[in-house]
Amino acid sequence: MKHVDGISGNDCIICGERIPVSRNKKKELMELLIQYMNEG
């Protein structure tokens, strides 16, 4: 998660690259990202 720059629409931005995220996985990704940010 430390390499994730952000989320834009259905894309995850990692080191400046846009990686598409399926709708099925987006909720899980968002939850993990929020958890990571709250811990750090």
PDB file of N, CA and C in Angstrom:
ATOM      1  N   MET A   1       0.812  -1.196   0.000  1.00  0.00           N
ATOM      2  CA  MET A   1       0.000   0.000   0.000  1.00  0.00           C
ATOM      3  C   MET A   1       0.856   1.261   0.000  1.00  0.00           C
ATOM      4  N   LYS A   2       2.101   1.157   0.419  1.00  0.00           N
ATOM      5  CA  LYS A   2       2.923   2.360   0.501  1.00  0.00           C
ATOM      6  C   LYS A   2       3.234   2.933  -0.876  1.00  0.00           C
ATOM      7  N   HIS A   3       3.037   2.165  -1.941  1.00  0.00           N
ATOM      8  CA  HIS A   3       3.304   2.642  -3.297  1.00  0.00           C
ATOM      9  C   HIS A   3       2.078   3.251  -3.964  1.00  0.00           C
ATOM     10  N   VAL A   4       0.920   3.136  -3.332  1.00  0.00           N
ATOM     11  CA  VAL A   4      -0.316   3.666  -3.911  1.00  0.00           C
ATOM     12  C   VAL A   4      -0.340   5.182  -3.740  1.00  0.00           C
ATOM     13  N   ASP A   5      -0.446   5.893  -4.872  1.00  0.00           N
ATOM     14  CA  ASP A   5      -0.528   7.358  -4.849  1.00  0.00           C
ATOM     15  C   ASP A   5      -1.958   7.824  -4.625  1.00  0.00           C
ATOM     16  N   GLY A   6      -2.929   7.044  -5.092  1.00  0.00           N
ATOM     17  CA  GLY A   6      -4.314   7.428  -4.918  1.00  0.00           C
ATOM     18  C   GLY A   6      -5.244   6.578  -5.764  1.00  0.00           C
ATOM     19  N   ILE A   7      -6.519   6.943  -5.720  1.00  0.00           N
ATOM     20  CA  ILE A   7      -7.568   6.268  -6.477  1.00  0.00           C
ATOM     21  C   ILE A   7      -8.259   7.327  -7.322  1.00  0.00           C
ATOM     22  N   SER A   8      -8.482   7.023  -8.580  1.00  0.00           N
ATOM     23  CA  SER A   8      -9.187   7.935  -9.477  1.00  0.00           C
ATOM     24  C   SER A   8     -10.197   7.123 -10.277  1.00  0.00           C
ATOM     25  N   GLY A   9     -11.468   7.325  -9.979  1.00  0.00           N
ATOM     26  CA  GLY A   9     -12.500   6.532 -10.653  1.00  0.00           C
ATOM     27  C   GLY A   9     -12.321   5.070 -10.324  1.00  0.00           C
ATOM     28  N   ASN A  10     -12.167   4.246 -11.356  1.00  0.00           N
ATOM     29  CA  ASN A  10     -11.933   2.815 -11.153  1.00  0.00           C
ATOM     30  C   ASN A  10     -10.469   2.455 -11.352  1.00  0.00           C
ATOM     31  N   ASP A  11      -9.577   3.440 -11.229  1.00  0.00           N
ATOM     32  CA  ASP A  11      -8.150   3.208 -11.385  1.00  0.00           C
ATOM     33  C   ASP A  11      -7.430   3.424 -10.062  1.00  0.00           C
ATOM     34  N   CYS A  12      -6.440   2.596  -9.833  1.00  0.00           N
ATOM     35  CA  CYS A  12      -5.533   2.766  -8.703  1.00  0.00           C
ATOM     36  C   CYS A  12      -4.244   3.347  -9.287  1.00  0.00           C
ATOM     37  N   ILE A  13      -3.748   4.427  -8.714  1.00  0.00           N
ATOM     38  CA  ILE A  13      -2.548   5.065  -9.231  1.00  0.00           C
ATOM     39  C   ILE A  13      -1.371   4.636  -8.367  1.00  0.00           C
ATOM     40  N   ILE A  14      -0.440   3.922  -8.999  1.00  0.00           N
ATOM     41  CA  ILE A  14       0.729   3.394  -8.312  1.00  0.00           C
ATOM     42  C   ILE A  14       1.970   3.882  -9.046  1.00  0.00           C
ATOM     43  N   CYS A  15       2.782   4.651  -8.349  1.00  0.00           N
ATOM     44  CA  CYS A  15       4.013   5.213  -8.930  1.00  0.00           C
ATOM     45  C   CYS A  15       3.730   5.918 -10.255  1.00  0.00           C
ATOM     46  N   GLY A  16       2.613   6.619 -10.330  1.00  0.00           N
ATOM     47  CA  GLY A  16       2.244   7.380 -11.513  1.00  0.00           C
ATOM     48  C   GLY A  16       1.541   6.581 -12.596  1.00  0.00           C
ATOM     49  N   GLU A  17       1.440   5.277 -12.448  1.00  0.00           N
ATOM     50  CA  GLU A  17       0.774   4.415 -13.430  1.00  0.00           C
ATOM     51  C   GLU A  17      -0.658   4.153 -13.003  1.00  0.00           C
ATOM     52  N   ARG A  18      -1.590   4.231 -13.946  1.00  0.00           N
ATOM     53  CA  ARG A  18      -3.001   3.966 -13.668  1.00  0.00           C
ATOM     54  C   ARG A  18      -3.284   2.478 -13.900  1.00  0.00           C
ATOM     55  N   ILE A  19      -3.713   1.811 -12.851  1.00  0.00           N
ATOM     56  CA  ILE A  19      -4.021   0.382 -12.901  1.00  0.00           C
ATOM     57  C   ILE A  19      -5.528   0.228 -12.722  1.00  0.00           C
ATOM     58  N   PRO A  20      -6.223  -0.352 -13.710  1.00  0.00           N
ATOM     59  CA  PRO A  20      -7.670  -0.516 -13.558  1.00  0.00           C
ATOM     60  C   PRO A  20      -8.014  -1.494 -12.437  1.00  0.00           C
ATOM     61  N   VAL A  21      -9.064  -1.156 -11.683  1.00  0.00           N
ATOM     62  CA  VAL A  21      -9.544  -2.000 -10.588  1.00  0.00           C
ATOM     63  C   VAL A  21     -10.995  -2.354 -10.891  1.00  0.00           C
ATOM     64  N   SER A  22     -11.313  -3.640 -10.823  1.00  0.00           N
ATOM     65  CA  SER A  22     -12.687  -4.061 -11.089  1.00  0.00           C
ATOM     66  C   SER A  22     -13.613  -3.543  -9.999  1.00  0.00           C
ATOM     67  N   ARG A  23     -14.868  -3.376 -10.351  1.00  0.00           N
ATOM     68  CA  ARG A  23     -15.849  -2.906  -9.364  1.00  0.00           C
ATOM     69  C   ARG A  23     -15.940  -3.865  -8.186  1.00  0.00           C
ATOM     70  N   ASN A  24     -15.758  -5.157  -8.459  1.00  0.00           N
ATOM     71  CA  ASN A  24     -15.835  -6.155  -7.388  1.00  0.00           C
ATOM     72  C   ASN A  24     -14.704  -6.004  -6.375  1.00  0.00           C
ATOM     73  N   LYS A  25     -13.545  -5.547  -6.804  1.00  0.00           N
ATOM     74  CA  LYS A  25     -12.377  -5.433  -5.923  1.00  0.00           C
ATOM     75  C   LYS A  25     -12.174  -4.024  -5.378  1.00  0.00           C
ATOM     76  N   LYS A  26     -12.867  -3.030  -5.933  1.00  0.00           N
ATOM     77  CA  LYS A  26     -12.641  -1.643  -5.528  1.00  0.00           C
ATOM     78  C   LYS A  26     -12.968  -1.418  -4.051  1.00  0.00           C
ATOM     79  N   LYS A  27     -14.070  -1.963  -3.565  1.00  0.00           N
ATOM     80  CA  LYS A  27     -14.453  -1.773  -2.163  1.00  0.00           C
ATOM     81  C   LYS A  27     -13.383  -2.344  -1.239  1.00  0.00           C
ATOM     82  N   GLU A  28     -12.912  -3.545  -1.542  1.00  0.00           N
ATOM     83  CA  GLU A  28     -11.871  -4.177  -0.727  1.00  0.00           C
ATOM     84  C   GLU A  28     -10.586  -3.339  -0.758  1.00  0.00           C
ATOM     85  N   LEU A  29     -10.208  -2.857  -1.928  1.00  0.00           N
ATOM     86  CA  LEU A  29      -9.017  -2.022  -2.055  1.00  0.00           C
ATOM     87  C   LEU A  29      -9.149  -0.745  -1.238  1.00  0.00           C
ATOM     88  N   MET A  30     -10.299  -0.100  -1.312  1.00  0.00           N
ATOM     89  CA  MET A  30     -10.521   1.134  -0.563  1.00  0.00           C
ATOM     90  C   MET A  30     -10.431   0.880   0.942  1.00  0.00           C
ATOM     91  N   GLU A  31     -11.015  -0.219   1.407  1.00  0.00           N
ATOM     92  CA  GLU A  31     -10.965  -0.549   2.835  1.00  0.00           C
ATOM     93  C   GLU A  31      -9.529  -0.789   3.297  1.00  0.00           C
ATOM     94  N   LEU A  32      -8.747  -1.509   2.486  1.00  0.00           N
ATOM     95  CA  LEU A  32      -7.353  -1.771   2.838  1.00  0.00           C
ATOM     96  C   LEU A  32      -6.528  -0.488   2.825  1.00  0.00           C
ATOM     97  N   LEU A  33      -6.784   0.384   1.860  1.00  0.00           N
ATOM     98  CA  LEU A  33      -6.054   1.643   1.773  1.00  0.00           C
ATOM     99  C   LEU A  33      -6.365   2.542   2.965  1.00  0.00           C
ATOM    100  N   ILE A  34      -7.628   2.618   3.342  1.00  0.00           N
ATOM    101  CA  ILE A  34      -8.020   3.422   4.506  1.00  0.00           C
ATOM    102  C   ILE A  34      -7.388   2.858   5.773  1.00  0.00           C
ATOM    103  N   GLN A  35      -7.410   1.542   5.918  1.00  0.00           N
ATOM    104  CA  GLN A  35      -6.795   0.900   7.084  1.00  0.00           C
ATOM    105  C   GLN A  35      -5.302   1.218   7.129  1.00  0.00           C
ATOM    106  N   TYR A  36      -4.631   1.125   5.994  1.00  0.00           N
ATOM    107  CA  TYR A  36      -3.196   1.417   5.929  1.00  0.00           C
ATOM    108  C   TYR A  36      -2.912   2.870   6.304  1.00  0.00           C
ATOM    109  N   MET A  37      -3.710   3.783   5.787  1.00  0.00           N
ATOM    110  CA  MET A  37      -3.497   5.205   6.054  1.00  0.00           C
ATOM    111  C   MET A  37      -3.749   5.536   7.526  1.00  0.00           C
ATOM    112  N   ASN A  38      -4.714   4.890   8.151  1.00  0.00           N
ATOM    113  CA  ASN A  38      -5.010   5.133   9.565  1.00  0.00           C
ATOM    114  C   ASN A  38      -3.905   4.615  10.482  1.00  0.00           C
ATOM    115  N   GLU A  39      -3.211   3.571  10.052  1.00  0.00           N
ATOM    116  CA  GLU A  39      -2.137   2.996  10.863  1.00  0.00           C
ATOM    117  C   GLU A  39      -0.859   3.817  10.774  1.00  0.00           C
ATOM    118  N   GLY A  40      -0.630   4.457   9.631  1.00  0.00           N
ATOM    119  CA  GLY A  40       0.642   5.137   9.390  1.00  0.00           C
ATOM    120  C   GLY A  40       0.678   6.500   9.878  1.00  0.00           C
TER     121      GLY A  40
END
